[in-house]
Amino acid sequence: VPDSNIGESYSPVVTTDSDGKDEAVIEYKPIGTDDRFYSTTKPAVIGAYDVRVTIPETAKYNAAVATSEFTIKKKVPAFVLSIGSPYVGTDYKPSVTTNSDGAAKVVIEYKAKDASDDTFTTTVPTTYGTYVVRATVPETATFASVYATTEFTLRYLEAPANAFEMTGTAGKNGYYVSGVELKAPAGYLISGIYGGTYTESITYTDSLTSVYLKRTSDNALTSAITVNKPKIDTQAPSFKAGTGNVVSGSVMYVSNLNLTVDDPNLKSLKVNGEPINLTADKDNVLTLSPGFGTKTFKITAEDEAGNVSNIEFTLKAEWLESKTIIPDVVLPLEGNEYYNLGEGYWIVTRNTPEGPVKDNTVYSGGMPFYVEEGGDYTFTKVTGT
């Protein structure tokens, strides 16, 4: 009797030249039991058995007895394990194909490729690397237990060609003049932290050097994607003097004003429409003076990004704050205005395009002096009337 699997049919094969072959009696018993347990019932359960064939005596042949051993075993199931190369972040599972009735109780375990077998665990790997998966089908009443292993690599999703779009308000020369957003392409979410919160877009910061994408269809993750620093300038040039910020429309009494135009990307500077040469080190300080009169200055500054600042203010000579006349200098005076003469006696010369026109009147100091018509005047002190 050949060995067989449970559930399979089998039949003993009797070879003899006795003419009593057709009357042979075939009996079975478990190996190791007494002969009194022989039975003509064919075993149908797993085990090792003795089979005995008894051929009766005939007119020509004596009786004969022969024995043999055979085994009924559990079936060895067909078993196929595959897993492919899943992406990091996905909910992946190996494929197990078997005809065992224990298929519903297959145990799946994993370990790192070069780790020992005692590190197999049911915890599913989630980080990039090469692993071994082992699937074990349990023993059942009909099928034997078997297992299979296969290697696989948990890999990163390849980023699309255009991994993100930078959006913001465009300025000049490739600058953005607003904050910049990094927007994920269709079908993806983006994060500045691996495994962090993935959203449709994130705000660029100077510390952001890499981003990561997640594919929305299966949560597959990419590795780091380099972010090249964009040119961002959201601040227009500013104006500062030694006394602080200068306000447009202000009037200041000074002999001169040092005005700093502050912008790291300053490109052009104009004073009353006239271009100013910028210094190589960008330390842009304008020295502005009203002379002995009044001057209005309009400053226009533009940076590389196209941010423009304008400021307009008026500087007046310090003596105009009290309107006390300074001797022996040409003073631009306004018409229909009073000015103050200091102590002593004064004569006045008006400077005209045709030449100086001297007023022969000697004016007493310590009293107002009325200017009827504006122009350039020179006041000289004299010793007496």
Protein backbone atom coordinates (compact mmCIF):
# COMPACT_ATOMS: atom_id res chain seq x y z
CA VAL A 1 0.00 0.00 0.00
CA PRO A 2 1.61 3.35 -0.96
CA ASP A 3 1.63 6.24 1.49
CA SER A 4 -1.23 8.64 0.84
CA ASN A 5 -2.69 11.94 1.96
CA ILE A 6 -5.83 12.11 4.00
CA GLY A 7 -8.94 12.14 1.87
CA GLU A 8 -7.24 10.40 -1.01
CA SER A 9 -8.37 6.93 -2.04
CA TYR A 10 -5.92 4.04 -1.86
CA SER A 11 -5.98 0.31 -2.53
CA PRO A 12 -3.54 -2.45 -1.56
CA VAL A 13 -1.83 -4.22 -4.44
CA VAL A 14 -1.54 -8.01 -4.00
CA THR A 15 0.85 -9.88 -6.25
CA THR A 16 0.70 -13.72 -6.08
CA ASP A 17 0.50 -16.80 -8.33
CA SER A 18 -1.97 -18.49 -5.98
CA ASP A 19 -5.35 -19.29 -7.46
CA GLY A 20 -6.81 -18.21 -4.12
CA LYS A 21 -5.97 -14.58 -4.79
CA ASP A 22 -9.57 -13.60 -5.36
CA GLU A 23 -10.46 -14.91 -1.90
CA ALA A 24 -7.70 -12.94 -0.19
CA VAL A 25 -8.67 -11.12 3.02
CA ILE A 26 -7.17 -7.65 3.57
CA GLU A 27 -7.01 -6.28 7.13
CA TYR A 28 -5.61 -3.16 8.82
CA LYS A 29 -4.48 -2.05 12.25
CA PRO A 30 -2.50 0.85 13.70
CA ILE A 31 1.21 0.14 13.92
CA GLY A 32 2.23 -0.89 17.40
CA THR A 33 -1.10 -2.44 18.37
CA ASP A 34 -1.89 -6.11 18.99
CA ASP A 35 -2.87 -8.31 16.04
CA ARG A 36 -6.32 -8.70 17.54
CA PHE A 37 -6.99 -5.14 16.35
CA TYR A 38 -6.78 -6.13 12.69
CA SER A 39 -9.94 -5.12 10.86
CA THR A 40 -11.12 -5.18 7.30
CA THR A 41 -12.18 -1.53 7.66
CA LYS A 42 -9.86 0.70 5.68
CA PRO A 43 -8.29 3.47 7.82
CA ALA A 44 -9.33 7.00 6.87
CA VAL A 45 -7.56 9.09 9.50
CA ILE A 46 -4.00 10.26 9.76
CA GLY A 47 -1.63 7.68 11.13
CA ALA A 48 0.76 4.78 10.45
CA TYR A 49 -0.78 1.39 9.75
CA ASP A 50 -0.04 -2.30 9.16
CA VAL A 51 -1.86 -4.02 6.35
CA ARG A 52 -2.15 -7.83 6.32
CA VAL A 53 -3.19 -9.97 3.35
CA THR A 54 -4.29 -13.58 3.97
CA ILE A 55 -4.63 -15.88 0.95
CA PRO A 56 -6.56 -19.07 1.73
CA GLU A 57 -5.35 -22.62 0.98
CA THR A 58 -6.50 -24.11 -2.31
CA ALA A 59 -6.14 -27.47 -3.99
CA LYS A 60 -2.90 -26.29 -5.51
CA TYR A 61 -1.50 -23.76 -3.07
CA ASN A 62 -0.96 -23.51 0.61
CA ALA A 63 -2.35 -20.58 2.55
CA ALA A 64 -0.11 -17.47 2.68
CA VAL A 65 0.08 -14.30 4.81
CA ALA A 66 1.92 -11.07 3.94
CA THR A 67 2.17 -7.74 5.80
CA SER A 68 3.26 -4.23 4.92
CA GLU A 69 3.25 -0.74 6.44
CA PHE A 70 1.86 2.52 5.08
CA THR A 71 1.07 6.02 6.29
CA ILE A 72 -1.87 8.35 5.84
CA LYS A 73 -0.54 11.90 6.07
CA LYS A 74 -1.92 15.42 6.10
CA LYS A 75 -2.00 17.20 2.78
CA VAL A 76 0.83 19.60 1.98
CA PRO A 77 -1.00 22.73 0.80
CA ALA A 78 -0.13 24.70 -2.28
CA PHE A 79 1.27 28.03 -1.12
CA VAL A 80 2.31 31.20 -2.98
CA LEU A 81 3.49 34.42 -1.24
CA SER A 82 4.12 37.74 -3.02
CA ILE A 83 4.30 41.39 -1.96
CA GLY A 84 5.97 43.47 -4.69
CA SER A 85 7.69 46.75 -3.76
CA PRO A 86 5.23 48.86 -1.76
CA TYR A 87 5.63 52.58 -1.08
CA VAL A 88 6.32 54.12 2.31
CA GLY A 89 3.07 55.43 3.77
CA THR A 90 0.75 52.99 2.02
CA ASP A 91 -1.42 50.37 3.72
CA TYR A 92 0.20 47.40 2.00
CA LYS A 93 -0.43 43.69 2.48
CA PRO A 94 1.26 40.60 1.02
CA SER A 95 -0.72 38.32 -1.28
CA VAL A 96 -1.14 34.74 -0.01
CA THR A 97 -2.62 32.03 -2.23
CA THR A 98 -3.24 28.56 -0.76
CA ASN A 99 -5.69 25.68 -0.93
CA SER A 100 -5.37 24.99 2.79
CA ASP A 101 -8.51 25.25 4.87
CA GLY A 102 -6.37 27.23 7.32
CA ALA A 103 -5.99 30.16 4.91
CA ALA A 104 -8.07 32.45 7.11
CA LYS A 105 -5.58 32.02 9.95
CA VAL A 106 -2.37 32.76 8.03
CA VAL A 107 0.16 34.61 10.24
CA ILE A 108 2.17 37.40 8.54
CA GLU A 109 5.47 38.47 10.12
CA TYR A 110 8.28 40.83 9.14
CA LYS A 111 11.93 41.46 9.92
CA ALA A 112 14.74 43.58 8.55
CA LYS A 113 16.62 41.83 5.76
CA ASP A 114 19.83 41.12 7.68
CA ALA A 115 18.24 40.56 11.10
CA SER A 116 18.02 37.14 12.73
CA ASP A 117 14.84 35.09 12.44
CA ASP A 118 14.03 35.57 16.12
CA THR A 119 13.25 39.22 15.30
CA PHE A 120 10.21 38.36 13.17
CA THR A 121 7.23 40.40 14.36
CA THR A 122 3.69 41.04 13.22
CA THR A 123 4.37 44.80 13.27
CA VAL A 124 4.20 46.08 9.70
CA PRO A 125 7.32 48.09 8.66
CA THR A 126 6.68 51.76 7.87
CA THR A 127 10.16 53.13 7.14
CA TYR A 128 12.29 52.92 4.04
CA GLY A 129 14.40 49.74 3.81
CA THR A 130 14.62 46.11 2.70
CA TYR A 131 12.70 43.51 4.69
CA VAL A 132 11.70 39.85 4.75
CA VAL A 133 8.05 38.86 5.05
CA ARG A 134 7.12 35.41 6.32
CA ALA A 135 3.66 33.88 5.94
CA THR A 136 2.75 30.77 7.95
CA VAL A 137 -0.33 28.64 7.27
CA PRO A 138 -1.33 26.78 10.47
CA GLU A 139 -1.82 23.04 10.63
CA THR A 140 -5.41 21.84 10.30
CA ALA A 141 -7.09 18.48 10.50
CA THR A 142 -6.50 18.02 6.80
CA PHE A 143 -3.48 20.14 5.87
CA ALA A 144 0.03 20.38 7.23
CA SER A 145 1.53 23.70 8.33
CA VAL A 146 3.81 25.41 5.82
CA TYR A 147 5.49 28.80 5.54
CA ALA A 148 7.10 30.88 2.84
CA THR A 149 9.36 33.93 2.88
CA THR A 150 10.23 36.62 0.37
CA GLU A 151 12.24 39.84 0.40
CA PHE A 152 10.79 43.23 -0.46
CA THR A 153 11.85 46.86 -0.41
CA LEU A 154 9.68 49.52 1.17
CA ARG A 155 10.51 52.43 -1.11
CA TYR A 156 9.80 56.12 -1.43
CA LEU A 157 7.42 57.39 -4.06
CA GLU A 158 9.23 59.19 -6.84
CA ALA A 159 8.27 62.86 -6.80
CA PRO A 160 6.55 64.27 -9.90
CA ALA A 161 8.63 66.41 -12.26
CA ASN A 162 6.98 69.58 -10.93
CA ALA A 163 6.93 68.73 -7.25
CA PHE A 164 5.46 72.06 -6.13
CA GLU A 165 4.51 75.49 -7.39
CA MET A 166 5.76 78.67 -5.74
CA THR A 167 3.05 81.30 -5.67
CA GLY A 168 3.13 84.90 -4.53
CA THR A 169 3.00 88.45 -5.84
CA ALA A 170 5.68 88.80 -8.50
CA GLY A 171 7.97 91.81 -8.40
CA LYS A 172 10.85 92.73 -10.65
CA ASN A 173 14.02 90.74 -11.38
CA GLY A 174 12.61 87.42 -10.23
CA TYR A 175 11.62 88.69 -6.78
CA TYR A 176 8.44 88.08 -4.88
CA VAL A 177 7.08 91.13 -3.07
CA SER A 178 4.78 89.10 -0.83
CA GLY A 179 4.94 85.94 1.22
CA VAL A 180 5.46 82.79 -0.84
CA GLU A 181 3.33 79.64 -0.74
CA LEU A 182 4.50 76.22 -1.92
CA LYS A 183 1.52 74.50 -3.48
CA ALA A 184 1.33 70.74 -4.05
CA PRO A 185 0.42 69.47 -7.54
CA ALA A 186 -2.97 67.89 -8.18
CA GLY A 187 -3.32 64.55 -6.42
CA TYR A 188 -0.76 65.36 -3.72
CA LEU A 189 -0.42 67.08 -0.36
CA ILE A 190 2.73 68.82 0.89
CA SER A 191 4.55 69.16 4.21
CA GLY A 192 7.72 70.81 5.46
CA ILE A 193 8.25 67.94 7.91
CA TYR A 194 8.54 64.28 6.95
CA GLY A 195 5.56 62.45 8.37
CA GLY A 196 4.11 65.73 9.62
CA THR A 197 0.85 67.39 8.66
CA TYR A 198 0.32 67.32 4.90
CA THR A 199 -1.81 70.10 3.39
CA GLU A 200 -2.51 71.57 -0.04
CA SER A 201 0.09 74.31 0.45
CA ILE A 202 2.60 75.56 3.02
CA THR A 203 4.17 78.96 3.66
CA TYR A 204 7.83 79.39 2.77
CA THR A 205 10.21 80.35 5.58
CA ASP A 206 13.97 80.84 5.53
CA SER A 207 14.41 77.59 7.48
CA LEU A 208 12.57 75.56 4.85
CA THR A 209 15.15 73.66 2.78
CA SER A 210 13.15 70.54 1.88
CA VAL A 211 9.53 69.50 1.43
CA TYR A 212 7.75 66.15 1.24
CA LEU A 213 4.74 65.00 -0.77
CA LYS A 214 1.94 62.55 -0.02
CA ARG A 215 -0.11 61.05 -2.83
CA THR A 216 -3.76 61.32 -1.87
CA SER A 217 -4.84 58.14 -3.67
CA ASP A 218 -2.79 55.80 -1.47
CA ASN A 219 -0.88 57.99 1.05
CA ALA A 220 2.45 57.07 -0.56
CA LEU A 221 5.27 59.35 0.65
CA THR A 222 8.24 60.85 -1.15
CA SER A 223 11.67 61.45 0.30
CA ALA A 224 13.01 64.98 0.77
CA ILE A 225 12.60 67.36 -2.18
CA THR A 226 15.07 70.25 -2.21
CA VAL A 227 13.66 73.78 -2.10
CA ASN A 228 15.81 76.45 -3.71
CA LYS A 229 15.57 79.69 -1.77
CA PRO A 230 13.33 82.18 -3.60
CA LYS A 231 14.15 85.87 -3.77
CA ILE A 232 11.68 87.62 -1.48
CA ASP A 233 11.60 91.32 -0.64
CA THR A 234 8.37 92.52 0.89
CA GLN A 235 9.72 95.74 2.42
CA ALA A 236 10.01 99.00 0.54
CA PRO A 237 13.03 101.23 1.23
CA SER A 238 12.81 103.23 4.45
CA PHE A 239 14.13 106.67 5.36
CA LYS A 240 15.83 107.50 8.65
CA ALA A 241 17.61 110.53 10.04
CA GLY A 242 19.67 110.87 13.17
CA THR A 243 16.55 111.95 15.01
CA GLY A 244 14.57 108.91 13.86
CA ASN A 245 12.14 108.22 11.07
CA VAL A 246 11.34 111.09 8.73
CA VAL A 247 7.65 111.71 8.06
CA SER A 248 6.49 112.85 4.67
CA GLY A 249 5.19 116.42 4.80
CA SER A 250 7.31 117.39 7.78
CA VAL A 251 9.18 120.70 8.13
CA MET A 252 12.57 120.69 9.87
CA TYR A 253 14.86 123.54 10.88
CA VAL A 254 18.41 122.31 10.30
CA SER A 255 21.69 123.40 8.81
CA ASN A 256 21.82 120.01 7.10
CA LEU A 257 20.15 116.63 7.39
CA ASN A 258 21.83 113.25 7.01
CA LEU A 259 19.15 111.00 5.57
CA THR A 260 19.81 107.25 5.41
CA VAL A 261 17.97 105.25 2.76
CA ASP A 262 17.75 101.74 4.16
CA ASP A 263 17.19 98.70 1.94
CA PRO A 264 19.56 95.74 1.42
CA ASN A 265 18.46 95.47 -2.21
CA LEU A 266 18.39 99.18 -3.07
CA LYS A 267 18.60 99.69 -6.83
CA SER A 268 17.92 103.36 -7.55
CA LEU A 269 17.67 106.63 -5.68
CA LYS A 270 16.50 110.04 -6.88
CA VAL A 271 16.45 113.44 -5.20
CA ASN A 272 14.01 115.85 -6.82
CA GLY A 273 14.09 113.68 -9.94
CA GLU A 274 17.90 113.55 -10.21
CA PRO A 275 19.54 110.10 -9.99
CA ILE A 276 22.05 109.55 -7.20
CA ASN A 277 25.03 107.24 -7.61
CA LEU A 278 24.75 104.41 -5.13
CA THR A 279 27.78 103.53 -3.06
CA ALA A 280 29.31 100.09 -3.46
CA ASP A 281 28.67 99.11 0.14
CA LYS A 282 25.04 100.25 -0.06
CA ASP A 283 25.61 102.65 2.88
CA ASN A 284 23.34 105.21 1.29
CA VAL A 285 23.40 108.45 3.27
CA LEU A 286 22.17 111.67 1.69
CA THR A 287 23.40 114.97 3.13
CA LEU A 288 20.70 117.53 2.43
CA SER A 289 20.94 121.23 3.18
CA PRO A 290 18.50 124.13 2.88
CA GLY A 291 21.41 126.59 2.61
CA PHE A 292 20.27 129.82 4.27
CA GLY A 293 16.74 129.44 3.06
CA THR A 294 14.03 126.88 2.49
CA LYS A 295 14.17 123.80 0.27
CA THR A 296 11.69 121.05 -0.40
CA PHE A 297 13.08 117.60 -1.16
CA LYS A 298 11.27 114.74 -2.85
CA ILE A 299 13.13 111.43 -2.45
CA THR A 300 12.24 108.37 -4.52
CA ALA A 301 13.88 105.02 -3.72
CA GLU A 302 13.32 101.70 -5.49
CA ASP A 303 14.77 98.29 -4.65
CA GLU A 304 15.61 95.34 -6.92
CA ALA A 305 12.18 93.83 -6.32
CA GLY A 306 10.39 96.95 -7.54
CA ASN A 307 9.24 98.19 -4.13
CA VAL A 308 9.11 101.99 -4.29
CA SER A 309 9.11 104.53 -1.46
CA ASN A 310 8.51 108.26 -1.82
CA ILE A 311 8.95 110.93 0.78
CA GLU A 312 8.66 114.71 0.54
CA PHE A 313 9.66 117.14 3.27
CA THR A 314 10.89 120.70 3.72
CA LEU A 315 14.15 121.83 5.29
CA LYS A 316 14.50 125.36 6.61
CA ALA A 317 17.69 127.06 7.72
CA GLU A 318 17.98 127.13 11.49
CA TRP A 319 17.86 130.94 11.64
CA LEU A 320 14.37 130.87 10.11
CA GLU A 321 12.94 129.28 13.23
CA SER A 322 13.37 132.61 15.07
CA LYS A 323 13.61 134.70 11.85
CA THR A 324 16.55 136.59 13.35
CA ILE A 325 18.63 138.05 10.52
CA ILE A 326 22.21 136.78 10.05
CA PRO A 327 24.65 139.50 8.97
CA ASP A 328 26.84 139.47 5.87
CA VAL A 329 25.31 136.49 4.08
CA VAL A 330 22.85 136.32 1.22
CA LEU A 331 19.48 135.41 2.69
CA PRO A 332 16.55 134.30 0.54
CA LEU A 333 13.58 136.06 2.08
CA GLU A 334 9.90 135.64 1.38
CA GLY A 335 7.74 138.62 0.46
CA ASN A 336 5.08 139.99 2.76
CA GLU A 337 6.92 138.61 5.79
CA TYR A 338 8.46 140.14 8.92
CA TYR A 339 11.97 139.26 10.06
CA ASN A 340 13.85 140.25 13.19
CA LEU A 341 16.91 142.51 13.25
CA GLY A 342 19.42 142.06 16.00
CA GLU A 343 20.77 144.90 18.16
CA GLY A 344 22.61 147.76 16.47
CA TYR A 345 22.17 149.44 13.12
CA TRP A 346 21.70 147.78 9.75
CA ILE A 347 21.79 148.53 6.09
CA VAL A 348 20.18 146.30 3.47
CA THR A 349 21.28 145.32 -0.03
CA ARG A 350 18.99 143.49 -2.38
CA ASN A 351 20.69 141.16 -4.83
CA THR A 352 19.05 141.27 -8.25
CA PRO A 353 20.01 139.75 -11.62
CA GLU A 354 21.10 143.21 -12.69
CA GLY A 355 23.32 143.61 -9.65
CA PRO A 356 23.09 144.65 -6.00
CA VAL A 357 20.64 147.40 -5.07
CA LYS A 358 21.59 149.15 -1.86
CA ASP A 359 18.95 150.63 0.41
CA ASN A 360 20.47 153.81 1.89
CA THR A 361 18.21 153.62 4.90
CA VAL A 362 19.88 152.69 8.18
CA TYR A 363 17.57 150.46 10.19
CA SER A 364 17.58 150.24 13.95
CA GLY A 365 17.95 146.77 15.40
CA GLY A 366 15.78 145.08 17.99
CA MET A 367 12.68 145.48 15.89
CA PRO A 368 10.86 143.70 13.04
CA PHE A 369 11.90 144.25 9.44
CA TYR A 370 9.16 143.96 6.83
CA VAL A 371 10.01 142.45 3.43
CA GLU A 372 7.52 143.54 0.84
CA GLU A 373 8.98 141.68 -2.12
CA GLY A 374 10.70 138.33 -1.83
CA GLY A 375 14.26 137.87 -3.03
CA ASP A 376 17.89 137.60 -1.96
CA TYR A 377 18.97 140.16 0.64
CA THR A 378 22.22 140.91 2.46
CA PHE A 379 22.15 142.67 5.83
CA THR A 380 25.23 144.48 7.09
CA LYS A 381 25.79 145.94 10.53
CA VAL A 382 27.04 149.53 10.72
CA THR A 383 28.39 151.54 13.60
CA GLY A 384 25.85 154.32 13.56
CA THR A 385 23.22 156.26 11.71
